[in-house]
Amino acid sequence: MVKHTDSSNPSTYMSSRFVAWILLFLLGMLLFYGLISLPPMGDDNPTFHVASRYLDHGAEETGFSSSFFAVLLDYRSFDLILFDLFFLAMTLSFLLFCVVENLPLYPLERIWVYIALLSTLMLFVLGLIGLKNGNNFMDYEFWSNLFGPSARVHGAWITGGLALLTVLSSLRWASKIWPMGKEKRFDP
């Protein structure tokens, strides 16, 4: 097996590993903070009236005939973007893993990272356009006022598609990197 370690300059190699481990630790602390911020199990759900409104008025307000798509892609699109950010964080964690373990980054594997980064960037650009004009982030009413009533449904499908693209590209890239890391660690 070929070692990918650059032993000619050990101080640079060790300092890049140290920085990568610090970034991984900070990312872990951020994820832990999010975990402890969740409400306790069995807590009364104060949003039941919102859920019933979603189910009762979803089709007429959003344009989706399925209440599942109305809730996921329209009402809760901000949660979908947070889900997208989780997979982007996973992609960046695997990128740091490549730096720490000194794994090679081949051009075909880098494409998956670029797809995840670009799809997340596009989601944020679309969301921030609404903020520029004083609306909420990812406000579909804003897009409906600009492009007509069908823009709300199309915007929801674009949001869902970009989030799905990030998830799939992140998982594909992780499936390429994980075996390389295992091979380096467990092969003699």
C-alpha atoms as a PDB file:
ATOM      1  CA  MET A   1       0.000   0.000   0.000  1.00  0.00           C
ATOM      2  CA  VAL A   2       1.248   3.479  -0.858  1.00  0.00           C
ATOM      3  CA  LYS A   3       1.485   5.913   2.024  1.00  0.00           C
ATOM      4  CA  HIS A   4       0.222   9.409   1.248  1.00  0.00           C
ATOM      5  CA  THR A   5       2.094  11.104   4.067  1.00  0.00           C
ATOM      6  CA  ASP A   6       4.510  13.857   3.143  1.00  0.00           C
ATOM      7  CA  SER A   7       7.369  13.139   5.525  1.00  0.00           C
ATOM      8  CA  SER A   8       9.637  15.788   3.990  1.00  0.00           C
ATOM      9  CA  ASN A   9       8.039  18.542   6.062  1.00  0.00           C
ATOM     10  CA  PRO A  10       6.647  17.039   9.281  1.00  0.00           C
ATOM     11  CA  SER A  11       5.937  20.388  10.967  1.00  0.00           C
ATOM     12  CA  THR A  12       3.544  21.479   8.191  1.00  0.00           C
ATOM     13  CA  TYR A  13       1.880  18.072   8.216  1.00  0.00           C
ATOM     14  CA  MET A  14       1.417  18.138  12.011  1.00  0.00           C
ATOM     15  CA  SER A  15       0.128  21.725  12.038  1.00  0.00           C
ATOM     16  CA  SER A  16      -2.470  20.957   9.339  1.00  0.00           C
ATOM     17  CA  ARG A  17      -3.572  17.887  11.303  1.00  0.00           C
ATOM     18  CA  PHE A  18      -3.829  19.980  14.475  1.00  0.00           C
ATOM     19  CA  VAL A  19      -5.956  22.640  12.774  1.00  0.00           C
ATOM     20  CA  ALA A  20      -8.202  19.975  11.261  1.00  0.00           C
ATOM     21  CA  TRP A  21      -8.697  18.286  14.640  1.00  0.00           C
ATOM     22  CA  ILE A  22      -9.534  21.646  16.244  1.00  0.00           C
ATOM     23  CA  LEU A  23     -12.133  22.311  13.520  1.00  0.00           C
ATOM     24  CA  LEU A  24     -13.609  18.831  13.991  1.00  0.00           C
ATOM     25  CA  PHE A  25     -13.796  19.419  17.753  1.00  0.00           C
ATOM     26  CA  LEU A  26     -15.567  22.768  17.244  1.00  0.00           C
ATOM     27  CA  LEU A  27     -18.014  21.167  14.813  1.00  0.00           C
ATOM     28  CA  GLY A  28     -18.695  18.418  17.361  1.00  0.00           C
ATOM     29  CA  MET A  29     -19.326  21.015  20.073  1.00  0.00           C
ATOM     30  CA  LEU A  30     -21.741  22.853  17.780  1.00  0.00           C
ATOM     31  CA  LEU A  31     -23.643  19.642  17.064  1.00  0.00           C
ATOM     32  CA  PHE A  32     -23.704  18.803  20.802  1.00  0.00           C
ATOM     33  CA  TYR A  33     -25.085  22.269  21.582  1.00  0.00           C
ATOM     34  CA  GLY A  34     -27.862  21.682  19.058  1.00  0.00           C
ATOM     35  CA  LEU A  35     -28.601  18.319  20.646  1.00  0.00           C
ATOM     36  CA  ILE A  36     -28.943  19.673  24.177  1.00  0.00           C
ATOM     37  CA  SER A  37     -31.126  22.534  22.894  1.00  0.00           C
ATOM     38  CA  LEU A  38     -33.870  20.114  21.843  1.00  0.00           C
ATOM     39  CA  PRO A  39     -36.976  20.018  24.051  1.00  0.00           C
ATOM     40  CA  PRO A  40     -37.129  17.160  26.567  1.00  0.00           C
ATOM     41  CA  MET A  41     -38.884  13.908  25.665  1.00  0.00           C
ATOM     42  CA  GLY A  42     -42.574  13.888  26.523  1.00  0.00           C
ATOM     43  CA  ASP A  43     -42.839  17.677  26.538  1.00  0.00           C
ATOM     44  CA  ASP A  44     -46.283  18.970  25.572  1.00  0.00           C
ATOM     45  CA  ASN A  45     -46.295  19.953  21.930  1.00  0.00           C
ATOM     46  CA  PRO A  46     -47.450  23.578  21.658  1.00  0.00           C
ATOM     47  CA  THR A  47     -47.657  23.383  17.852  1.00  0.00           C
ATOM     48  CA  PHE A  48     -50.650  21.062  17.504  1.00  0.00           C
ATOM     49  CA  HIS A  49     -52.900  23.887  16.307  1.00  0.00           C
ATOM     50  CA  VAL A  50     -50.336  24.706  13.600  1.00  0.00           C
ATOM     51  CA  ALA A  51     -50.224  21.092  12.417  1.00  0.00           C
ATOM     52  CA  SER A  52     -53.994  20.907  12.134  1.00  0.00           C
ATOM     53  CA  ARG A  53     -53.981  24.152  10.139  1.00  0.00           C
ATOM     54  CA  TYR A  54     -51.338  22.690   7.796  1.00  0.00           C
ATOM     55  CA  LEU A  55     -53.476  19.624   7.174  1.00  0.00           C
ATOM     56  CA  ASP A  56     -56.779  21.508   6.840  1.00  0.00           C
ATOM     57  CA  HIS A  57     -55.646  24.370   4.588  1.00  0.00           C
ATOM     58  CA  GLY A  58     -52.487  22.964   2.956  1.00  0.00           C
ATOM     59  CA  ALA A  59     -53.913  22.276  -0.485  1.00  0.00           C
ATOM     60  CA  GLU A  60     -55.610  25.647  -0.913  1.00  0.00           C
ATOM     61  CA  GLU A  61     -52.733  27.750   0.489  1.00  0.00           C
ATOM     62  CA  THR A  62     -49.814  26.005  -1.198  1.00  0.00           C
ATOM     63  CA  GLY A  63     -51.183  24.582  -4.420  1.00  0.00           C
ATOM     64  CA  PHE A  64     -50.080  21.029  -3.602  1.00  0.00           C
ATOM     65  CA  SER A  65     -52.742  18.338  -3.698  1.00  0.00           C
ATOM     66  CA  SER A  66     -50.777  16.207  -1.223  1.00  0.00           C
ATOM     67  CA  SER A  67     -50.603  17.464   2.342  1.00  0.00           C
ATOM     68  CA  PHE A  68     -47.235  15.700   2.728  1.00  0.00           C
ATOM     69  CA  PHE A  69     -45.642  17.829   0.001  1.00  0.00           C
ATOM     70  CA  ALA A  70     -47.440  20.938   1.227  1.00  0.00           C
ATOM     71  CA  VAL A  71     -45.936  20.561   4.688  1.00  0.00           C
ATOM     72  CA  LEU A  72     -42.480  19.355   3.650  1.00  0.00           C
ATOM     73  CA  LEU A  73     -41.770  21.626   0.697  1.00  0.00           C
ATOM     74  CA  ASP A  74     -43.732  24.733   1.549  1.00  0.00           C
ATOM     75  CA  TYR A  75     -44.632  25.238   5.188  1.00  0.00           C
ATOM     76  CA  ARG A  76     -41.530  23.590   6.615  1.00  0.00           C
ATOM     77  CA  SER A  77     -39.044  24.529   3.891  1.00  0.00           C
ATOM     78  CA  PHE A  78     -36.827  26.232   6.440  1.00  0.00           C
ATOM     79  CA  ASP A  79     -36.481  22.883   8.245  1.00  0.00           C
ATOM     80  CA  LEU A  80     -35.588  21.324   4.919  1.00  0.00           C
ATOM     81  CA  ILE A  81     -32.796  23.872   4.573  1.00  0.00           C
ATOM     82  CA  LEU A  82     -31.530  22.980   8.060  1.00  0.00           C
ATOM     83  CA  PHE A  83     -31.571  19.333   6.980  1.00  0.00           C
ATOM     84  CA  ASP A  84     -29.547  20.413   3.950  1.00  0.00           C
ATOM     85  CA  LEU A  85     -27.043  22.147   6.237  1.00  0.00           C
ATOM     86  CA  PHE A  86     -26.607  18.943   8.237  1.00  0.00           C
ATOM     87  CA  PHE A  87     -25.521  17.093   5.112  1.00  0.00           C
ATOM     88  CA  LEU A  88     -23.295  19.975   4.084  1.00  0.00           C
ATOM     89  CA  ALA A  89     -21.638  19.735   7.512  1.00  0.00           C
ATOM     90  CA  MET A  90     -21.201  16.009   6.915  1.00  0.00           C
ATOM     91  CA  THR A  91     -19.537  16.726   3.574  1.00  0.00           C
ATOM     92  CA  LEU A  92     -17.200  19.269   5.131  1.00  0.00           C
ATOM     93  CA  SER A  93     -16.410  16.842   7.974  1.00  0.00           C
ATOM     94  CA  PHE A  94     -15.382  14.205   5.462  1.00  0.00           C
ATOM     95  CA  LEU A  95     -13.307  16.832   3.682  1.00  0.00           C
ATOM     96  CA  LEU A  96     -11.531  17.564   6.974  1.00  0.00           C
ATOM     97  CA  PHE A  97     -11.147  13.819   7.485  1.00  0.00           C
ATOM     98  CA  CYS A  98      -9.309  13.675   4.153  1.00  0.00           C
ATOM     99  CA  VAL A  99      -6.970  16.428   5.326  1.00  0.00           C
ATOM    100  CA  VAL A 100      -6.344  14.830   8.721  1.00  0.00           C
ATOM    101  CA  GLU A 101      -5.738  11.363   7.312  1.00  0.00           C
ATOM    102  CA  ASN A 102      -3.889  12.728   4.280  1.00  0.00           C
ATOM    103  CA  LEU A 103      -6.164  10.886   1.858  1.00  0.00           C
ATOM    104  CA  PRO A 104      -5.955  11.734  -1.842  1.00  0.00           C
ATOM    105  CA  LEU A 105      -8.772  13.793  -3.326  1.00  0.00           C
ATOM    106  CA  TYR A 106      -9.328  12.600  -6.859  1.00  0.00           C
ATOM    107  CA  PRO A 107     -11.077  14.952  -9.332  1.00  0.00           C
ATOM    108  CA  LEU A 108     -14.076  12.664  -9.825  1.00  0.00           C
ATOM    109  CA  GLU A 109     -14.649  12.497  -6.069  1.00  0.00           C
ATOM    110  CA  ARG A 110     -14.295  16.265  -5.702  1.00  0.00           C
ATOM    111  CA  ILE A 111     -17.265  16.732  -8.033  1.00  0.00           C
ATOM    112  CA  TRP A 112     -19.599  15.455  -5.290  1.00  0.00           C
ATOM    113  CA  VAL A 113     -18.235  18.048  -2.867  1.00  0.00           C
ATOM    114  CA  TYR A 114     -18.719  20.806  -5.429  1.00  0.00           C
ATOM    115  CA  ILE A 115     -22.306  19.702  -6.105  1.00  0.00           C
ATOM    116  CA  ALA A 116     -23.135  19.750  -2.382  1.00  0.00           C
ATOM    117  CA  LEU A 117     -21.541  23.172  -1.916  1.00  0.00           C
ATOM    118  CA  LEU A 118     -23.167  24.726  -4.982  1.00  0.00           C
ATOM    119  CA  SER A 119     -26.659  23.396  -4.279  1.00  0.00           C
ATOM    120  CA  THR A 120     -26.508  24.729  -0.712  1.00  0.00           C
ATOM    121  CA  LEU A 121     -25.184  28.056  -1.958  1.00  0.00           C
ATOM    122  CA  MET A 122     -28.063  28.280  -4.446  1.00  0.00           C
ATOM    123  CA  LEU A 123     -30.573  27.617  -1.656  1.00  0.00           C
ATOM    124  CA  PHE A 124     -29.137  30.445   0.407  1.00  0.00           C
ATOM    125  CA  VAL A 125     -28.998  32.880  -2.492  1.00  0.00           C
ATOM    126  CA  LEU A 126     -32.656  32.198  -3.291  1.00  0.00           C
ATOM    127  CA  GLY A 127     -33.566  32.595   0.364  1.00  0.00           C
ATOM    128  CA  LEU A 128     -31.607  35.801   0.832  1.00  0.00           C
ATOM    129  CA  ILE A 129     -33.236  37.498  -2.163  1.00  0.00           C
ATOM    130  CA  GLY A 130     -36.471  37.568  -0.172  1.00  0.00           C
ATOM    131  CA  LEU A 131     -34.671  39.030   2.863  1.00  0.00           C
ATOM    132  CA  LYS A 132     -33.298  41.846   0.716  1.00  0.00           C
ATOM    133  CA  ASN A 133     -36.820  43.100   0.053  1.00  0.00           C
ATOM    134  CA  GLY A 134     -37.947  42.879   3.681  1.00  0.00           C
ATOM    135  CA  ASN A 135     -39.659  39.485   3.459  1.00  0.00           C
ATOM    136  CA  ASN A 136     -38.879  36.302   5.347  1.00  0.00           C
ATOM    137  CA  PHE A 137     -36.150  33.896   4.331  1.00  0.00           C
ATOM    138  CA  MET A 138     -37.484  31.556   1.586  1.00  0.00           C
ATOM    139  CA  ASP A 139     -40.817  33.382   1.524  1.00  0.00           C
ATOM    140  CA  TYR A 140     -42.825  31.892  -1.321  1.00  0.00           C
ATOM    141  CA  GLU A 141     -45.379  34.699  -1.222  1.00  0.00           C
ATOM    142  CA  PHE A 142     -42.567  37.007  -2.274  1.00  0.00           C
ATOM    143  CA  TRP A 143     -41.894  34.840  -5.337  1.00  0.00           C
ATOM    144  CA  SER A 144     -45.637  34.620  -6.068  1.00  0.00           C
ATOM    145  CA  ASN A 145     -45.855  38.400  -6.167  1.00  0.00           C
ATOM    146  CA  LEU A 146     -43.014  38.535  -8.691  1.00  0.00           C
ATOM    147  CA  PHE A 147     -43.774  35.588 -10.977  1.00  0.00           C
ATOM    148  CA  GLY A 148     -47.413  34.714 -10.390  1.00  0.00           C
ATOM    149  CA  PRO A 149     -49.262  32.131  -8.307  1.00  0.00           C
ATOM    150  CA  SER A 150     -47.464  29.099  -9.744  1.00  0.00           C
ATOM    151  CA  ALA A 151     -44.126  30.443  -8.458  1.00  0.00           C
ATOM    152  CA  ARG A 152     -44.988  29.241  -4.969  1.00  0.00           C
ATOM    153  CA  VAL A 153     -45.215  25.601  -6.061  1.00  0.00           C
ATOM    154  CA  HIS A 154     -42.201  25.868  -8.352  1.00  0.00           C
ATOM    155  CA  GLY A 155     -40.147  27.497  -5.598  1.00  0.00           C
ATOM    156  CA  ALA A 156     -41.056  24.685  -3.238  1.00  0.00           C
ATOM    157  CA  TRP A 157     -40.005  22.062  -5.794  1.00  0.00           C
ATOM    158  CA  ILE A 158     -36.725  23.906  -6.416  1.00  0.00           C
ATOM    159  CA  THR A 159     -36.028  24.017  -2.673  1.00  0.00           C
ATOM    160  CA  GLY A 160     -36.775  20.310  -2.306  1.00  0.00           C
ATOM    161  CA  GLY A 161     -34.722  19.422  -5.369  1.00  0.00           C
ATOM    162  CA  LEU A 162     -31.674  21.386  -4.228  1.00  0.00           C
ATOM    163  CA  ALA A 163     -31.862  19.877  -0.737  1.00  0.00           C
ATOM    164  CA  LEU A 164     -32.165  16.394  -2.240  1.00  0.00           C
ATOM    165  CA  LEU A 165     -29.201  17.098  -4.505  1.00  0.00           C
ATOM    166  CA  THR A 166     -27.095  18.090  -1.496  1.00  0.00           C
ATOM    167  CA  VAL A 167     -28.130  14.984   0.446  1.00  0.00           C
ATOM    168  CA  LEU A 168     -27.438  12.586  -2.412  1.00  0.00           C
ATOM    169  CA  SER A 169     -24.097  14.138  -3.354  1.00  0.00           C
ATOM    170  CA  SER A 170     -22.991  14.171   0.300  1.00  0.00           C
ATOM    171  CA  LEU A 171     -23.905  10.526   0.757  1.00  0.00           C
ATOM    172  CA  ARG A 172     -22.230   9.540  -2.499  1.00  0.00           C
ATOM    173  CA  TRP A 173     -19.022  11.317  -1.568  1.00  0.00           C
ATOM    174  CA  ALA A 174     -19.042   9.860   1.945  1.00  0.00           C
ATOM    175  CA  SER A 175     -19.422   6.386   0.432  1.00  0.00           C
ATOM    176  CA  LYS A 176     -16.292   7.033  -1.639  1.00  0.00           C
ATOM    177  CA  ILE A 177     -14.176   8.455   1.199  1.00  0.00           C
ATOM    178  CA  TRP A 178     -15.140   6.127   4.056  1.00  0.00           C
ATOM    179  CA  PRO A 179     -13.576   2.973   2.518  1.00  0.00           C
ATOM    180  CA  MET A 180     -10.348   4.842   1.772  1.00  0.00           C
ATOM    181  CA  GLY A 181     -10.071   5.871   5.424  1.00  0.00           C
ATOM    182  CA  LYS A 182     -10.796   2.342   6.637  1.00  0.00           C
ATOM    183  CA  GLU A 183      -8.225   0.923   4.205  1.00  0.00           C
ATOM    184  CA  LYS A 184      -5.563   3.315   5.449  1.00  0.00           C
ATOM    185  CA  ARG A 185      -6.274   2.624   9.111  1.00  0.00           C
ATOM    186  CA  PHE A 186      -6.683  -1.156   9.060  1.00  0.00           C
ATOM    187  CA  ASP A 187      -4.322  -2.346   6.327  1.00  0.00           C
ATOM    188  CA  PRO A 188      -0.829  -3.212   7.604  1.00  0.00           C
END
